[in-house]
Amino acid sequence: MTKRTLFIIIGLLFFLDVAALIVYLVGNSNPDGKSPIEYVLRDSIVHEMADTIPDKLVVDQFDTISRSATFVSLDKMMVGNVSKPMTCTMKLKFVWPKSINGRDDVSSLHSQLLSRVSRMGGDNVNAVINSLFEKPEFARRSLNFKKTTAQVDSPGINHTIQNYRIFPYFSTNYLLEMVVLVEKHNGATLSRSMNIVHYDRVHHNVITIDKIFDLSQVDKILALVNQKIESEKLEGTHVNWHETGVLPTEFLLGRKSVVFYLADGAIAPRGTGLHEVMVSNDDLEPFFTNYYNEMLVNDSHFVTYEFISL
């Protein structure tokens, strides 16, 4: 037998062994339709990404911006038999993103955050803050007012409070979650809105809801939210809750769950405030996009920040 013939036989045997392995793997596919070889390939990519991305991470940098002021209306209103001015106190505190993962240009993130507190929008934080303080709100309409440094103690109906907060809440090697919390109290009722801006720290872009959830499956996602609401009722935790017909668009993405935030009056009587509904990632995984599932698989360096106080 010549060497050439021997090499040909060895090559054929090797080819047959590889073919047999592929047939075995395909024939023993998992219940979800993916064969073991697909998992092996996917895991290899995952490990490669997990090993390389954290090496490029840079700690995020934030500045703290804090402002407050009290305003007194020149127009007066009757409280009982006494004519008194109206007052408005505004407080603002931003833990403002300065550099995210080593990148100073995060204007897309700035713009999204500012659009949640002012229609003015843009990425100039000082301009938006000045605009807010130029137009304080009062318990009743007032066009004339002045700023005062004196402590004002007025009856509830006379006093309006406006609070604005922006701060980081959750961060991973991929994800930054920024919270925008706006509270307004006019002496009789309190309104509170909470918006969450999701930011991809690696690719430097704001993540919209369609990048996280497969919105073609919105009815199934909504069913999970309503199942959680029903379980809260059965446990007696929130007996006055009722189902929602709309998927909440404000949510925090956690390591093990998603916390959906529903507006005042959405699933309970108005005046009861914001409501939290927590659904596990295990339940939601079939409805996450490939983009977000890949992010979850690769994620690490989990950091949770505190809700800031004014």
C-alpha atoms as a PDB file:
ATOM      1  CA  MET A   1       0.000   0.000   0.000  1.00  0.00           C
ATOM      2  CA  THR A   2       1.435   3.337  -1.014  1.00  0.00           C
ATOM      3  CA  LYS A   3       1.646   6.325   1.344  1.00  0.00           C
ATOM      4  CA  ARG A   4      -0.773   8.186  -0.908  1.00  0.00           C
ATOM      5  CA  THR A   5      -3.419   5.448  -0.514  1.00  0.00           C
ATOM      6  CA  LEU A   6      -2.859   5.367   3.283  1.00  0.00           C
ATOM      7  CA  PHE A   7      -3.409   9.122   3.589  1.00  0.00           C
ATOM      8  CA  ILE A   8      -6.604   8.889   1.533  1.00  0.00           C
ATOM      9  CA  ILE A   9      -7.978   6.144   3.810  1.00  0.00           C
ATOM     10  CA  ILE A  10      -7.099   8.099   6.961  1.00  0.00           C
ATOM     11  CA  GLY A  11      -8.791  11.182   5.501  1.00  0.00           C
ATOM     12  CA  LEU A  12     -11.946   9.235   4.671  1.00  0.00           C
ATOM     13  CA  LEU A  13     -12.103   7.741   8.176  1.00  0.00           C
ATOM     14  CA  PHE A  14     -11.729  11.202   9.736  1.00  0.00           C
ATOM     15  CA  PHE A  15     -14.487  12.583   7.487  1.00  0.00           C
ATOM     16  CA  LEU A  16     -16.816   9.713   8.428  1.00  0.00           C
ATOM     17  CA  ASP A  17     -16.160  10.291  12.156  1.00  0.00           C
ATOM     18  CA  VAL A  18     -17.040  14.000  11.831  1.00  0.00           C
ATOM     19  CA  ALA A  19     -20.156  13.211   9.823  1.00  0.00           C
ATOM     20  CA  ALA A  20     -21.271  10.670  12.434  1.00  0.00           C
ATOM     21  CA  LEU A  21     -20.782  13.230  15.211  1.00  0.00           C
ATOM     22  CA  ILE A  22     -22.909  15.813  13.368  1.00  0.00           C
ATOM     23  CA  VAL A  23     -25.666  13.247  12.754  1.00  0.00           C
ATOM     24  CA  TYR A  24     -25.601  12.329  16.442  1.00  0.00           C
ATOM     25  CA  LEU A  25     -25.825  15.936  17.568  1.00  0.00           C
ATOM     26  CA  VAL A  26     -28.654  16.793  15.196  1.00  0.00           C
ATOM     27  CA  GLY A  27     -30.522  13.632  16.145  1.00  0.00           C
ATOM     28  CA  ASN A  28     -30.265  14.469  19.822  1.00  0.00           C
ATOM     29  CA  SER A  29     -31.519  18.030  19.666  1.00  0.00           C
ATOM     30  CA  ASN A  30     -33.023  19.710  22.716  1.00  0.00           C
ATOM     31  CA  PRO A  31     -36.784  20.151  23.172  1.00  0.00           C
ATOM     32  CA  ASP A  32     -36.585  23.806  22.133  1.00  0.00           C
ATOM     33  CA  GLY A  33     -35.264  22.787  18.721  1.00  0.00           C
ATOM     34  CA  LYS A  34     -31.642  23.810  19.289  1.00  0.00           C
ATOM     35  CA  SER A  35     -29.023  21.108  18.970  1.00  0.00           C
ATOM     36  CA  PRO A  36     -26.108  20.797  21.427  1.00  0.00           C
ATOM     37  CA  ILE A  37     -23.712  22.047  18.792  1.00  0.00           C
ATOM     38  CA  GLU A  38     -25.648  25.341  18.628  1.00  0.00           C
ATOM     39  CA  TYR A  39     -25.300  25.736  22.378  1.00  0.00           C
ATOM     40  CA  VAL A  40     -21.578  25.002  22.189  1.00  0.00           C
ATOM     41  CA  LEU A  41     -21.091  27.623  19.494  1.00  0.00           C
ATOM     42  CA  ARG A  42     -23.229  30.156  21.354  1.00  0.00           C
ATOM     43  CA  ASP A  43     -21.410  29.528  24.634  1.00  0.00           C
ATOM     44  CA  SER A  44     -18.068  30.017  22.912  1.00  0.00           C
ATOM     45  CA  ILE A  45     -19.191  33.430  21.669  1.00  0.00           C
ATOM     46  CA  VAL A  46     -20.537  34.283  25.118  1.00  0.00           C
ATOM     47  CA  HIS A  47     -17.283  33.394  26.868  1.00  0.00           C
ATOM     48  CA  GLU A  48     -15.274  35.337  24.327  1.00  0.00           C
ATOM     49  CA  MET A  49     -17.421  38.447  24.812  1.00  0.00           C
ATOM     50  CA  ALA A  50     -17.482  38.077  28.588  1.00  0.00           C
ATOM     51  CA  ASP A  51     -13.692  37.890  28.625  1.00  0.00           C
ATOM     52  CA  THR A  52     -13.105  40.893  26.393  1.00  0.00           C
ATOM     53  CA  ILE A  53     -15.784  43.463  27.234  1.00  0.00           C
ATOM     54  CA  PRO A  54     -15.052  43.902  30.987  1.00  0.00           C
ATOM     55  CA  ASP A  55     -11.401  44.673  30.153  1.00  0.00           C
ATOM     56  CA  LYS A  56     -12.610  47.813  28.391  1.00  0.00           C
ATOM     57  CA  LEU A  57     -14.863  49.038  31.194  1.00  0.00           C
ATOM     58  CA  VAL A  58     -14.303  52.467  32.723  1.00  0.00           C
ATOM     59  CA  VAL A  59     -16.086  53.667  35.861  1.00  0.00           C
ATOM     60  CA  ASP A  60     -18.905  56.128  35.136  1.00  0.00           C
ATOM     61  CA  GLN A  61     -18.502  59.723  36.289  1.00  0.00           C
ATOM     62  CA  PHE A  62     -21.361  61.853  37.664  1.00  0.00           C
ATOM     63  CA  ASP A  63     -21.727  65.471  38.820  1.00  0.00           C
ATOM     64  CA  THR A  64     -24.250  66.487  41.484  1.00  0.00           C
ATOM     65  CA  ILE A  65     -26.423  69.487  40.618  1.00  0.00           C
ATOM     66  CA  SER A  66     -28.633  70.850  43.400  1.00  0.00           C
ATOM     67  CA  ARG A  67     -30.910  73.901  43.303  1.00  0.00           C
ATOM     68  CA  SER A  68     -33.856  75.159  45.355  1.00  0.00           C
ATOM     69  CA  ALA A  69     -35.948  78.306  45.563  1.00  0.00           C
ATOM     70  CA  THR A  70     -39.183  79.626  47.057  1.00  0.00           C
ATOM     71  CA  PHE A  71     -41.538  81.923  45.188  1.00  0.00           C
ATOM     72  CA  VAL A  72     -44.353  84.134  46.501  1.00  0.00           C
ATOM     73  CA  SER A  73     -47.196  85.330  44.298  1.00  0.00           C
ATOM     74  CA  LEU A  74     -48.027  89.006  44.110  1.00  0.00           C
ATOM     75  CA  ASP A  75     -51.621  87.976  43.408  1.00  0.00           C
ATOM     76  CA  LYS A  76     -53.442  87.037  46.604  1.00  0.00           C
ATOM     77  CA  MET A  77     -56.288  84.661  47.336  1.00  0.00           C
ATOM     78  CA  MET A  78     -58.798  84.406  50.135  1.00  0.00           C
ATOM     79  CA  VAL A  79     -58.103  81.819  52.841  1.00  0.00           C
ATOM     80  CA  GLY A  80     -61.081  82.002  55.140  1.00  0.00           C
ATOM     81  CA  ASN A  81     -61.559  85.724  55.649  1.00  0.00           C
ATOM     82  CA  VAL A  82     -57.912  86.581  55.080  1.00  0.00           C
ATOM     83  CA  SER A  83     -56.232  87.506  51.792  1.00  0.00           C
ATOM     84  CA  LYS A  84     -52.876  85.748  51.478  1.00  0.00           C
ATOM     85  CA  PRO A  85     -50.235  85.244  48.793  1.00  0.00           C
ATOM     86  CA  MET A  86     -49.658  81.856  47.213  1.00  0.00           C
ATOM     87  CA  THR A  87     -46.270  80.178  47.510  1.00  0.00           C
ATOM     88  CA  CYS A  88     -44.285  77.642  45.545  1.00  0.00           C
ATOM     89  CA  THR A  89     -41.151  75.804  46.632  1.00  0.00           C
ATOM     90  CA  MET A  90     -39.010  74.137  43.968  1.00  0.00           C
ATOM     91  CA  LYS A  91     -36.240  71.657  44.702  1.00  0.00           C
ATOM     92  CA  LEU A  92     -34.016  69.982  42.173  1.00  0.00           C
ATOM     93  CA  LYS A  93     -31.238  67.435  42.509  1.00  0.00           C
ATOM     94  CA  PHE A  94     -29.547  65.736  39.561  1.00  0.00           C
ATOM     95  CA  VAL A  95     -26.801  63.147  39.819  1.00  0.00           C
ATOM     96  CA  TRP A  96     -25.829  64.047  36.303  1.00  0.00           C
ATOM     97  CA  PRO A  97     -23.924  61.686  33.950  1.00  0.00           C
ATOM     98  CA  LYS A  98     -20.638  63.298  32.976  1.00  0.00           C
ATOM     99  CA  SER A  99     -18.807  60.360  31.411  1.00  0.00           C
ATOM    100  CA  ILE A 100     -20.182  56.873  30.715  1.00  0.00           C
ATOM    101  CA  ASN A 101     -17.706  54.028  30.291  1.00  0.00           C
ATOM    102  CA  GLY A 102     -14.956  56.510  29.385  1.00  0.00           C
ATOM    103  CA  ARG A 103     -17.019  58.434  26.844  1.00  0.00           C
ATOM    104  CA  ASP A 104     -17.636  62.136  27.497  1.00  0.00           C
ATOM    105  CA  ASP A 105     -20.103  62.675  24.648  1.00  0.00           C
ATOM    106  CA  VAL A 106     -23.338  61.260  26.071  1.00  0.00           C
ATOM    107  CA  SER A 107     -25.631  63.924  24.633  1.00  0.00           C
ATOM    108  CA  SER A 108     -28.215  61.320  23.551  1.00  0.00           C
ATOM    109  CA  LEU A 109     -28.572  60.257  27.188  1.00  0.00           C
ATOM    110  CA  HIS A 110     -28.710  63.873  28.387  1.00  0.00           C
ATOM    111  CA  SER A 111     -31.411  64.696  25.860  1.00  0.00           C
ATOM    112  CA  GLN A 112     -33.576  61.753  26.942  1.00  0.00           C
ATOM    113  CA  LEU A 113     -33.258  62.648  30.623  1.00  0.00           C
ATOM    114  CA  LEU A 114     -34.075  66.325  30.144  1.00  0.00           C
ATOM    115  CA  SER A 115     -37.076  65.579  27.928  1.00  0.00           C
ATOM    116  CA  ARG A 116     -38.652  63.843  30.945  1.00  0.00           C
ATOM    117  CA  VAL A 117     -38.617  67.001  33.077  1.00  0.00           C
ATOM    118  CA  SER A 118     -39.140  69.759  30.517  1.00  0.00           C
ATOM    119  CA  ARG A 119     -40.681  70.131  27.092  1.00  0.00           C
ATOM    120  CA  MET A 120     -37.723  72.331  26.267  1.00  0.00           C
ATOM    121  CA  GLY A 121     -35.578  69.203  25.820  1.00  0.00           C
ATOM    122  CA  GLY A 122     -32.095  69.434  24.350  1.00  0.00           C
ATOM    123  CA  ASP A 123     -28.898  68.436  26.142  1.00  0.00           C
ATOM    124  CA  ASN A 124     -28.087  71.756  27.881  1.00  0.00           C
ATOM    125  CA  VAL A 125     -28.855  70.955  31.503  1.00  0.00           C
ATOM    126  CA  ASN A 126     -28.319  74.529  32.770  1.00  0.00           C
ATOM    127  CA  ALA A 127     -30.720  75.968  30.197  1.00  0.00           C
ATOM    128  CA  VAL A 128     -33.435  73.476  31.198  1.00  0.00           C
ATOM    129  CA  ILE A 129     -32.906  74.153  34.912  1.00  0.00           C
ATOM    130  CA  ASN A 130     -33.132  77.907  34.371  1.00  0.00           C
ATOM    131  CA  SER A 131     -36.305  77.396  32.345  1.00  0.00           C
ATOM    132  CA  LEU A 132     -37.887  75.404  35.186  1.00  0.00           C
ATOM    133  CA  PHE A 133     -37.096  78.070  37.762  1.00  0.00           C
ATOM    134  CA  GLU A 134     -38.436  80.832  35.525  1.00  0.00           C
ATOM    135  CA  LYS A 135     -41.946  79.339  35.594  1.00  0.00           C
ATOM    136  CA  PRO A 136     -42.880  78.020  39.051  1.00  0.00           C
ATOM    137  CA  GLU A 137     -46.339  76.527  39.474  1.00  0.00           C
ATOM    138  CA  PHE A 138     -48.816  77.715  42.108  1.00  0.00           C
ATOM    139  CA  ALA A 139     -51.868  76.102  43.683  1.00  0.00           C
ATOM    140  CA  ARG A 140     -53.915  78.497  41.585  1.00  0.00           C
ATOM    141  CA  ARG A 141     -53.013  80.504  38.527  1.00  0.00           C
ATOM    142  CA  SER A 142     -50.682  83.419  39.168  1.00  0.00           C
ATOM    143  CA  LEU A 143     -48.847  85.466  36.582  1.00  0.00           C
ATOM    144  CA  ASN A 144     -47.023  87.719  39.022  1.00  0.00           C
ATOM    145  CA  PHE A 145     -44.547  86.410  41.581  1.00  0.00           C
ATOM    146  CA  LYS A 146     -41.208  87.101  43.163  1.00  0.00           C
ATOM    147  CA  LYS A 147     -38.418  84.924  44.468  1.00  0.00           C
ATOM    148  CA  THR A 148     -37.800  85.001  48.216  1.00  0.00           C
ATOM    149  CA  THR A 149     -35.147  83.655  50.520  1.00  0.00           C
ATOM    150  CA  ALA A 150     -37.418  83.918  53.556  1.00  0.00           C
ATOM    151  CA  GLN A 151     -38.974  80.813  55.062  1.00  0.00           C
ATOM    152  CA  VAL A 152     -42.638  80.772  54.067  1.00  0.00           C
ATOM    153  CA  ASP A 153     -45.194  79.004  56.233  1.00  0.00           C
ATOM    154  CA  SER A 154     -48.573  79.034  54.522  1.00  0.00           C
ATOM    155  CA  PRO A 155     -51.758  76.956  54.753  1.00  0.00           C
ATOM    156  CA  GLY A 156     -51.798  73.866  52.542  1.00  0.00           C
ATOM    157  CA  ILE A 157     -54.157  75.262  49.956  1.00  0.00           C
ATOM    158  CA  ASN A 158     -51.763  78.131  49.381  1.00  0.00           C
ATOM    159  CA  HIS A 159     -48.601  76.124  48.959  1.00  0.00           C
ATOM    160  CA  THR A 160     -47.253  74.216  45.976  1.00  0.00           C
ATOM    161  CA  ILE A 161     -44.201  71.945  46.049  1.00  0.00           C
ATOM    162  CA  GLN A 162     -42.267  70.886  42.957  1.00  0.00           C
ATOM    163  CA  ASN A 163     -39.471  68.326  43.223  1.00  0.00           C
ATOM    164  CA  TYR A 164     -37.267  67.108  40.373  1.00  0.00           C
ATOM    165  CA  ARG A 165     -34.765  64.274  40.729  1.00  0.00           C
ATOM    166  CA  ILE A 166     -32.534  62.506  38.200  1.00  0.00           C
ATOM    167  CA  PHE A 167     -30.137  59.791  39.348  1.00  0.00           C
ATOM    168  CA  PRO A 168     -28.586  56.428  38.403  1.00  0.00           C
ATOM    169  CA  TYR A 169     -30.298  53.406  39.949  1.00  0.00           C
ATOM    170  CA  PHE A 170     -28.783  50.300  38.378  1.00  0.00           C
ATOM    171  CA  SER A 171     -25.620  49.617  36.388  1.00  0.00           C
ATOM    172  CA  THR A 172     -23.894  46.593  34.841  1.00  0.00           C
ATOM    173  CA  ASN A 173     -21.056  46.225  32.365  1.00  0.00           C
ATOM    174  CA  TYR A 174     -23.647  46.750  29.599  1.00  0.00           C
ATOM    175  CA  LEU A 175     -26.518  48.674  31.117  1.00  0.00           C
ATOM    176  CA  LEU A 176     -27.107  51.967  32.916  1.00  0.00           C
ATOM    177  CA  GLU A 177     -30.585  52.701  34.307  1.00  0.00           C
ATOM    178  CA  MET A 178     -31.331  56.362  35.026  1.00  0.00           C
ATOM    179  CA  VAL A 179     -34.450  57.401  36.982  1.00  0.00           C
ATOM    180  CA  VAL A 180     -36.317  60.669  36.468  1.00  0.00           C
ATOM    181  CA  LEU A 181     -38.672  61.341  39.389  1.00  0.00           C
ATOM    182  CA  VAL A 182     -41.006  64.362  39.303  1.00  0.00           C
ATOM    183  CA  GLU A 183     -43.309  65.139  42.258  1.00  0.00           C
ATOM    184  CA  LYS A 184     -45.830  67.967  42.509  1.00  0.00           C
ATOM    185  CA  HIS A 185     -48.064  68.759  45.477  1.00  0.00           C
ATOM    186  CA  ASN A 186     -50.588  71.584  45.284  1.00  0.00           C
ATOM    187  CA  GLY A 187     -51.767  71.402  48.884  1.00  0.00           C
ATOM    188  CA  ALA A 188     -54.591  68.996  48.123  1.00  0.00           C
ATOM    189  CA  THR A 189     -53.224  66.299  45.830  1.00  0.00           C
ATOM    190  CA  LEU A 190     -49.822  64.779  45.100  1.00  0.00           C
ATOM    191  CA  SER A 191     -48.842  63.747  41.584  1.00  0.00           C
ATOM    192  CA  ARG A 192     -45.747  61.649  40.998  1.00  0.00           C
ATOM    193  CA  SER A 193     -44.263  60.418  37.759  1.00  0.00           C
ATOM    194  CA  MET A 194     -41.275  58.153  37.361  1.00  0.00           C
ATOM    195  CA  ASN A 195     -39.536  57.686  34.034  1.00  0.00           C
ATOM    196  CA  ILE A 196     -36.646  55.317  33.409  1.00  0.00           C
ATOM    197  CA  VAL A 197     -34.045  55.818  30.693  1.00  0.00           C
ATOM    198  CA  HIS A 198     -32.085  52.711  29.664  1.00  0.00           C
ATOM    199  CA  TYR A 199     -28.592  53.212  28.246  1.00  0.00           C
ATOM    200  CA  ASP A 200     -26.235  50.701  26.603  1.00  0.00           C
ATOM    201  CA  ARG A 201     -22.840  51.479  28.144  1.00  0.00           C
ATOM    202  CA  VAL A 202     -20.908  49.447  25.556  1.00  0.00           C
ATOM    203  CA  HIS A 203     -22.507  50.679  22.326  1.00  0.00           C
ATOM    204  CA  HIS A 204     -23.434  54.113  23.750  1.00  0.00           C
ATOM    205  CA  ASN A 205     -27.061  54.365  22.743  1.00  0.00           C
ATOM    206  CA  VAL A 206     -30.391  54.820  24.509  1.00  0.00           C
ATOM    207  CA  ILE A 207     -32.325  51.536  24.564  1.00  0.00           C
ATOM    208  CA  THR A 208     -35.985  51.803  23.577  1.00  0.00           C
ATOM    209  CA  ILE A 209     -38.687  49.366  24.702  1.00  0.00           C
ATOM    210  CA  ASP A 210     -38.687  47.502  21.371  1.00  0.00           C
ATOM    211  CA  LYS A 211     -35.004  46.685  21.917  1.00  0.00           C
ATOM    212  CA  ILE A 212     -35.909  44.909  25.157  1.00  0.00           C
ATOM    213  CA  PHE A 213     -39.286  43.257  24.516  1.00  0.00           C
ATOM    214  CA  ASP A 214     -40.637  41.515  21.439  1.00  0.00           C
ATOM    215  CA  LEU A 215     -43.664  43.761  21.027  1.00  0.00           C
ATOM    216  CA  SER A 216     -45.353  41.243  18.734  1.00  0.00           C
ATOM    217  CA  GLN A 217     -45.866  39.296  21.989  1.00  0.00           C
ATOM    218  CA  VAL A 218     -47.215  42.256  23.957  1.00  0.00           C
ATOM    219  CA  ASP A 219     -50.448  40.421  24.913  1.00  0.00           C
ATOM    220  CA  LYS A 220     -48.472  37.603  26.545  1.00  0.00           C
ATOM    221  CA  ILE A 221     -46.238  40.035  28.412  1.00  0.00           C
ATOM    222  CA  LEU A 222     -49.302  41.941  29.601  1.00  0.00           C
ATOM    223  CA  ALA A 223     -50.839  38.644  30.777  1.00  0.00           C
ATOM    224  CA  LEU A 224     -47.792  38.038  32.991  1.00  0.00           C
ATOM    225  CA  VAL A 225     -48.157  41.513  34.508  1.00  0.00           C
ATOM    226  CA  ASN A 226     -51.851  40.915  35.204  1.00  0.00           C
ATOM    227  CA  GLN A 227     -51.125  37.476  36.691  1.00  0.00           C
ATOM    228  CA  LYS A 228     -48.771  39.174  39.136  1.00  0.00           C
ATOM    229  CA  ILE A 229     -51.428  41.769  39.980  1.00  0.00           C
ATOM    230  CA  GLU A 230     -53.938  38.971  40.614  1.00  0.00           C
ATOM    231  CA  SER A 231     -51.490  37.114  42.869  1.00  0.00           C
ATOM    232  CA  GLU A 232     -51.003  40.297  44.921  1.00  0.00           C
ATOM    233  CA  LYS A 233     -54.789  40.493  45.376  1.00  0.00           C
ATOM    234  CA  LEU A 234     -55.085  36.822  46.384  1.00  0.00           C
ATOM    235  CA  GLU A 235     -52.298  37.230  48.926  1.00  0.00           C
ATOM    236  CA  GLY A 236     -54.164  40.179  50.391  1.00  0.00           C
ATOM    237  CA  THR A 237     -51.250  42.520  49.752  1.00  0.00           C
ATOM    238  CA  HIS A 238     -53.130  44.822  47.400  1.00  0.00           C
ATOM    239  CA  VAL A 239     -56.798  43.860  47.459  1.00  0.00           C
ATOM    240  CA  ASN A 240     -57.875  47.066  45.699  1.00  0.00           C
ATOM    241  CA  TRP A 241     -55.746  46.445  42.608  1.00  0.00           C
ATOM    242  CA  HIS A 242     -57.309  45.582  39.259  1.00  0.00           C
ATOM    243  CA  GLU A 243     -55.944  44.465  35.898  1.00  0.00           C
ATOM    244  CA  THR A 244     -54.403  46.844  33.410  1.00  0.00           C
ATOM    245  CA  GLY A 245     -55.204  46.801  29.726  1.00  0.00           C
ATOM    246  CA  VAL A 246     -51.956  48.496  28.681  1.00  0.00           C
ATOM    247  CA  LEU A 247     -48.392  47.274  29.064  1.00  0.00           C
ATOM    248  CA  PRO A 248     -46.487  49.721  31.315  1.00  0.00           C
ATOM    249  CA  THR A 249     -43.788  51.564  29.405  1.00  0.00           C
ATOM    250  CA  GLU A 250     -41.806  52.527  32.512  1.00  0.00           C
ATOM    251  CA  PHE A 251     -39.780  49.710  34.091  1.00  0.00           C
ATOM    252  CA  LEU A 252     -36.489  48.926  35.777  1.00  0.00           C
ATOM    253  CA  LEU A 253     -34.421  46.061  34.404  1.00  0.00           C
ATOM    254  CA  GLY A 254     -32.959  44.050  37.260  1.00  0.00           C
ATOM    255  CA  ARG A 255     -30.611  41.110  37.554  1.00  0.00           C
ATOM    256  CA  LYS A 256     -33.465  38.677  38.242  1.00  0.00           C
ATOM    257  CA  SER A 257     -36.653  40.572  37.416  1.00  0.00           C
ATOM    258  CA  VAL A 258     -38.282  43.518  35.717  1.00  0.00           C
ATOM    259  CA  VAL A 259     -40.144  46.018  37.900  1.00  0.00           C
ATOM    260  CA  PHE A 260     -42.980  47.682  35.991  1.00  0.00           C
ATOM    261  CA  TYR A 261     -44.247  51.058  37.225  1.00  0.00           C
ATOM    262  CA  LEU A 262     -47.894  51.980  36.726  1.00  0.00           C
ATOM    263  CA  ALA A 263     -49.194  55.520  37.068  1.00  0.00           C
ATOM    264  CA  ASP A 264     -51.490  56.687  39.827  1.00  0.00           C
ATOM    265  CA  GLY A 265     -54.994  55.423  39.074  1.00  0.00           C
ATOM    266  CA  ALA A 266     -53.899  52.823  36.501  1.00  0.00           C
ATOM    267  CA  ILE A 267     -54.592  49.720  38.629  1.00  0.00           C
ATOM    268  CA  ALA A 268     -55.929  51.179  41.888  1.00  0.00           C
ATOM    269  CA  PRO A 269     -58.007  54.186  43.009  1.00  0.00           C
ATOM    270  CA  ARG A 270     -56.519  57.557  42.110  1.00  0.00           C
ATOM    271  CA  GLY A 271     -54.569  59.094  44.935  1.00  0.00           C
ATOM    272  CA  THR A 272     -52.834  55.838  45.928  1.00  0.00           C
ATOM    273  CA  GLY A 273     -49.681  56.790  44.027  1.00  0.00           C
ATOM    274  CA  LEU A 274     -47.316  54.846  41.775  1.00  0.00           C
ATOM    275  CA  HIS A 275     -47.579  51.065  41.765  1.00  0.00           C
ATOM    276  CA  GLU A 276     -44.821  48.483  41.331  1.00  0.00           C
ATOM    277  CA  VAL A 277     -45.383  45.092  39.680  1.00  0.00           C
ATOM    278  CA  MET A 278     -42.408  42.721  39.638  1.00  0.00           C
ATOM    279  CA  VAL A 279     -42.153  39.931  37.037  1.00  0.00           C
ATOM    280  CA  SER A 280     -39.215  37.502  37.025  1.00  0.00           C
ATOM    281  CA  ASN A 281     -36.761  37.353  34.129  1.00  0.00           C
ATOM    282  CA  ASP A 282     -37.369  33.590  33.954  1.00  0.00           C
ATOM    283  CA  ASP A 283     -41.007  34.247  33.028  1.00  0.00           C
ATOM    284  CA  LEU A 284     -40.172  37.081  30.652  1.00  0.00           C
ATOM    285  CA  GLU A 285     -37.213  35.456  28.885  1.00  0.00           C
ATOM    286  CA  PRO A 286     -39.272  34.070  25.946  1.00  0.00           C
ATOM    287  CA  PHE A 287     -40.428  37.623  25.221  1.00  0.00           C
ATOM    288  CA  PHE A 288     -37.070  39.375  25.499  1.00  0.00           C
ATOM    289  CA  THR A 289     -35.396  40.326  22.223  1.00  0.00           C
ATOM    290  CA  ASN A 290     -32.210  38.563  21.145  1.00  0.00           C
ATOM    291  CA  TYR A 291     -30.422  41.849  21.830  1.00  0.00           C
ATOM    292  CA  TYR A 292     -31.480  41.931  25.481  1.00  0.00           C
ATOM    293  CA  ASN A 293     -31.133  38.178  26.059  1.00  0.00           C
ATOM    294  CA  GLU A 294     -27.553  38.385  24.822  1.00  0.00           C
ATOM    295  CA  MET A 295     -26.967  41.293  27.171  1.00  0.00           C
ATOM    296  CA  LEU A 296     -28.319  39.302  30.128  1.00  0.00           C
ATOM    297  CA  VAL A 297     -26.127  36.299  29.309  1.00  0.00           C
ATOM    298  CA  ASN A 298     -22.972  38.407  29.153  1.00  0.00           C
ATOM    299  CA  ASP A 299     -23.691  40.824  31.983  1.00  0.00           C
ATOM    300  CA  SER A 300     -21.688  41.248  35.170  1.00  0.00           C
ATOM    301  CA  HIS A 301     -20.483  44.012  37.512  1.00  0.00           C
ATOM    302  CA  PHE A 302     -23.925  44.661  38.999  1.00  0.00           C
ATOM    303  CA  VAL A 303     -24.183  47.905  40.955  1.00  0.00           C
ATOM    304  CA  THR A 304     -27.354  49.276  42.609  1.00  0.00           C
ATOM    305  CA  TYR A 305     -27.529  52.952  43.610  1.00  0.00           C
ATOM    306  CA  GLU A 306     -29.769  54.475  46.258  1.00  0.00           C
ATOM    307  CA  PHE A 307     -32.838  56.574  45.512  1.00  0.00           C
ATOM    308  CA  ILE A 308     -31.503  60.055  46.262  1.00  0.00           C
ATOM    309  CA  SER A 309     -33.169  62.378  48.751  1.00  0.00           C
ATOM    310  CA  LEU A 310     -33.576  66.120  48.259  1.00  0.00           C
END
